[in-house]
Every structure is written in structure tokens, then in C-alpha cells.
Amino acid sequence: MNALEALWELGPRSLLSLYHVEVFAVAVTLVVYFCIISSPD
């Protein structure tokens, strides 16, 4: 079973969790970005 078949079997729950992981990653990236911007260089 490859990853695509696994996702297909798990269905919406896996897509939802992937969505949450992606949103979390974007949030962390923004926080790090703003910390770098606001810190004196």
C-alpha cells in the first residue's frame, strides 16, 4: 500500500489532520519570521 492509497482509505480525517499540520507549520514560520524581523541586526 502506497501513501496515496493509505490517505484514500483513511479519508477526510487524514486530510483534516494534514490541513492542521500545514496551518501549524505556517503559523510557526510566521512567528519565526517576525522574531527575526523584530530582532536588532
PDB file of N, CA and C in Angstrom:
ATOM      1  N   MET A   1       0.851  -1.209   0.000  1.00  0.00           N
ATOM      2  CA  MET A   1       0.000   0.000   0.000  1.00  0.00           C
ATOM      3  C   MET A   1       0.883   1.254   0.000  1.00  0.00           C
ATOM      4  N   ASN A   2       0.699   2.105  -0.988  1.00  0.00           N
ATOM      5  CA  ASN A   2       1.490   3.332  -1.014  1.00  0.00           C
ATOM      6  C   ASN A   2       0.785   4.446  -0.238  1.00  0.00           C
ATOM      7  N   ALA A   3       1.423   5.582  -0.159  1.00  0.00           N
ATOM      8  CA  ALA A   3       0.904   6.679   0.670  1.00  0.00           C
ATOM      9  C   ALA A   3      -0.460   7.159   0.174  1.00  0.00           C
ATOM     10  N   LEU A   4      -0.619   7.221  -1.138  1.00  0.00           N
ATOM     11  CA  LEU A   4      -1.884   7.716  -1.695  1.00  0.00           C
ATOM     12  C   LEU A   4      -3.038   6.792  -1.340  1.00  0.00           C
ATOM     13  N   GLU A   5      -2.807   5.469  -1.421  1.00  0.00           N
ATOM     14  CA  GLU A   5      -3.851   4.508  -1.052  1.00  0.00           C
ATOM     15  C   GLU A   5      -4.166   4.606   0.434  1.00  0.00           C
ATOM     16  N   ALA A   6      -3.138   4.821   1.248  1.00  0.00           N
ATOM     17  CA  ALA A   6      -3.351   4.955   2.687  1.00  0.00           C
ATOM     18  C   ALA A   6      -4.220   6.172   2.980  1.00  0.00           C
ATOM     19  N   LEU A   7      -3.912   7.291   2.324  1.00  0.00           N
ATOM     20  CA  LEU A   7      -4.717   8.502   2.503  1.00  0.00           C
ATOM     21  C   LEU A   7      -6.151   8.262   2.061  1.00  0.00           C
ATOM     22  N   TRP A   8      -6.314   7.549   0.935  1.00  0.00           N
ATOM     23  CA  TRP A   8      -7.653   7.291   0.410  1.00  0.00           C
ATOM     24  C   TRP A   8      -8.464   6.458   1.387  1.00  0.00           C
ATOM     25  N   GLU A   9      -7.802   5.486   2.047  1.00  0.00           N
ATOM     26  CA  GLU A   9      -8.519   4.630   2.999  1.00  0.00           C
ATOM     27  C   GLU A   9      -8.856   5.387   4.280  1.00  0.00           C
ATOM     28  N   LEU A  10      -7.951   6.246   4.733  1.00  0.00           N
ATOM     29  CA  LEU A  10      -8.204   6.992   5.963  1.00  0.00           C
ATOM     30  C   LEU A  10      -9.277   8.051   5.749  1.00  0.00           C
ATOM     31  N   GLY A  11      -9.325   8.618   4.542  1.00  0.00           N
ATOM     32  CA  GLY A  11     -10.394   9.536   4.200  1.00  0.00           C
ATOM     33  C   GLY A  11     -10.233  10.934   4.783  1.00  0.00           C
ATOM     34  N   PRO A  12     -11.370  11.631   5.019  1.00  0.00           N
ATOM     35  CA  PRO A  12     -11.368  13.040   5.431  1.00  0.00           C
ATOM     36  C   PRO A  12     -10.562  13.307   6.699  1.00  0.00           C
ATOM     37  N   ARG A  13     -10.527  12.331   7.624  1.00  0.00           N
ATOM     38  CA  ARG A  13      -9.791  12.566   8.877  1.00  0.00           C
ATOM     39  C   ARG A  13      -8.325  12.854   8.605  1.00  0.00           C
ATOM     40  N   SER A  14      -7.709  12.084   7.715  1.00  0.00           N
ATOM     41  CA  SER A  14      -6.297  12.274   7.411  1.00  0.00           C
ATOM     42  C   SER A  14      -6.078  13.613   6.708  1.00  0.00           C
ATOM     43  N   LEU A  15      -7.013  13.967   5.821  1.00  0.00           N
ATOM     44  CA  LEU A  15      -6.892  15.248   5.134  1.00  0.00           C
ATOM     45  C   LEU A  15      -7.013  16.391   6.129  1.00  0.00           C
ATOM     46  N   LEU A  16      -7.906  16.247   7.104  1.00  0.00           N
ATOM     47  CA  LEU A  16      -8.084  17.272   8.114  1.00  0.00           C
ATOM     48  C   LEU A  16      -6.823  17.421   8.953  1.00  0.00           C
ATOM     49  N   SER A  17      -6.223  16.282   9.343  1.00  0.00           N
ATOM     50  CA  SER A  17      -5.008  16.345  10.155  1.00  0.00           C
ATOM     51  C   SER A  17      -3.857  16.943   9.350  1.00  0.00           C
ATOM     52  N   LEU A  18      -3.788  16.604   8.066  1.00  0.00           N
ATOM     53  CA  LEU A  18      -2.758  17.198   7.214  1.00  0.00           C
ATOM     54  C   LEU A  18      -2.956  18.702   7.127  1.00  0.00           C
ATOM     55  N   TYR A  19      -4.227  19.136   7.046  1.00  0.00           N
ATOM     56  CA  TYR A  19      -4.543  20.560   6.989  1.00  0.00           C
ATOM     57  C   TYR A  19      -4.081  21.252   8.262  1.00  0.00           C
ATOM     58  N   HIS A  20      -4.341  20.618   9.425  1.00  0.00           N
ATOM     59  CA  HIS A  20      -3.931  21.202  10.696  1.00  0.00           C
ATOM     60  C   HIS A  20      -2.415  21.297  10.787  1.00  0.00           C
ATOM     61  N   VAL A  21      -1.711  20.262  10.328  1.00  0.00           N
ATOM     62  CA  VAL A  21      -0.247  20.280  10.338  1.00  0.00           C
ATOM     63  C   VAL A  21       0.274  21.415   9.461  1.00  0.00           C
ATOM     64  N   GLU A  22      -0.360  21.611   8.307  1.00  0.00           N
ATOM     65  CA  GLU A  22       0.082  22.656   7.397  1.00  0.00           C
ATOM     66  C   GLU A  22      -0.145  24.036   8.002  1.00  0.00           C
ATOM     67  N   VAL A  23      -1.315  24.250   8.608  1.00  0.00           N
ATOM     68  CA  VAL A  23      -1.618  25.527   9.256  1.00  0.00           C
ATOM     69  C   VAL A  23      -0.637  25.783  10.394  1.00  0.00           C
ATOM     70  N   PHE A  24      -0.334  24.740  11.185  1.00  0.00           N
ATOM     71  CA  PHE A  24       0.612  24.867  12.290  1.00  0.00           C
ATOM     72  C   PHE A  24       1.990  25.252  11.765  1.00  0.00           C
ATOM     73  N   ALA A  25       2.412  24.620  10.679  1.00  0.00           N
ATOM     74  CA  ALA A  25       3.722  24.914  10.097  1.00  0.00           C
ATOM     75  C   ALA A  25       3.790  26.363   9.616  1.00  0.00           C
ATOM     76  N   VAL A  26       2.727  26.835   8.990  1.00  0.00           N
ATOM     77  CA  VAL A  26       2.684  28.220   8.521  1.00  0.00           C
ATOM     78  C   VAL A  26       2.744  29.183   9.702  1.00  0.00           C
ATOM     79  N   ALA A  27       2.011  28.878  10.771  1.00  0.00           N
ATOM     80  CA  ALA A  27       1.999  29.735  11.954  1.00  0.00           C
ATOM     81  C   ALA A  27       3.392  29.816  12.574  1.00  0.00           C
ATOM     82  N   VAL A  28       4.053  28.675  12.717  1.00  0.00           N
ATOM     83  CA  VAL A  28       5.406  28.652  13.285  1.00  0.00           C
ATOM     84  C   VAL A  28       6.358  29.454  12.404  1.00  0.00           C
ATOM     85  N   THR A  29       6.233  29.280  11.084  1.00  0.00           N
ATOM     86  CA  THR A  29       7.089  30.018  10.155  1.00  0.00           C
ATOM     87  C   THR A  29       6.895  31.521  10.306  1.00  0.00           C
ATOM     88  N   LEU A  30       5.645  31.964  10.429  1.00  0.00           N
ATOM     89  CA  LEU A  30       5.369  33.389  10.596  1.00  0.00           C
ATOM     90  C   LEU A  30       5.949  33.919  11.900  1.00  0.00           C
ATOM     91  N   VAL A  31       5.808  33.155  12.983  1.00  0.00           N
ATOM     92  CA  VAL A  31       6.337  33.582  14.279  1.00  0.00           C
ATOM     93  C   VAL A  31       7.854  33.733  14.205  1.00  0.00           C
ATOM     94  N   VAL A  32       8.513  32.732  13.634  1.00  0.00           N
ATOM     95  CA  VAL A  32       9.973  32.793  13.492  1.00  0.00           C
ATOM     96  C   VAL A  32      10.367  33.976  12.617  1.00  0.00           C
ATOM     97  N   TYR A  33       9.636  34.187  11.536  1.00  0.00           N
ATOM     98  CA  TYR A  33       9.917  35.286  10.614  1.00  0.00           C
ATOM     99  C   TYR A  33       9.812  36.635  11.327  1.00  0.00           C
ATOM    100  N   PHE A  34       8.741  36.833  12.093  1.00  0.00           N
ATOM    101  CA  PHE A  34       8.559  38.094  12.796  1.00  0.00           C
ATOM    102  C   PHE A  34       9.607  38.283  13.888  1.00  0.00           C
ATOM    103  N   CYS A  35      10.017  37.190  14.536  1.00  0.00           N
ATOM    104  CA  CYS A  35      11.076  37.285  15.543  1.00  0.00           C
ATOM    105  C   CYS A  35      12.380  37.740  14.897  1.00  0.00           C
ATOM    106  N   ILE A  36      12.679  37.197  13.724  1.00  0.00           N
ATOM    107  CA  ILE A  36      13.907  37.582  13.017  1.00  0.00           C
ATOM    108  C   ILE A  36      13.818  39.039  12.569  1.00  0.00           C
ATOM    109  N   ILE A  37      12.653  39.446  12.085  1.00  0.00           N
ATOM    110  CA  ILE A  37      12.469  40.821  11.602  1.00  0.00           C
ATOM    111  C   ILE A  37      12.602  41.819  12.753  1.00  0.00           C
ATOM    112  N   SER A  38      12.008  41.493  13.904  1.00  0.00           N
ATOM    113  CA  SER A  38      11.970  42.452  15.011  1.00  0.00           C
ATOM    114  C   SER A  38      13.265  42.481  15.812  1.00  0.00           C
ATOM    115  N   SER A  39      14.104  41.441  15.675  1.00  0.00           N
ATOM    116  CA  SER A  39      15.355  41.430  16.432  1.00  0.00           C
ATOM    117  C   SER A  39      16.363  42.371  15.779  1.00  0.00           C
ATOM    118  N   PRO A  40      17.102  43.134  16.602  1.00  0.00           N
ATOM    119  CA  PRO A  40      18.117  44.041  16.052  1.00  0.00           C
ATOM    120  C   PRO A  40      19.201  43.262  15.321  1.00  0.00           C
ATOM    121  N   ASP A  41      19.587  43.761  14.160  1.00  0.00           N
ATOM    122  CA  ASP A  41      20.559  43.021  13.359  1.00  0.00           C
ATOM    123  C   ASP A  41      21.976  43.529  13.626  1.00  0.00           C
TER     124      ASP A  41
END
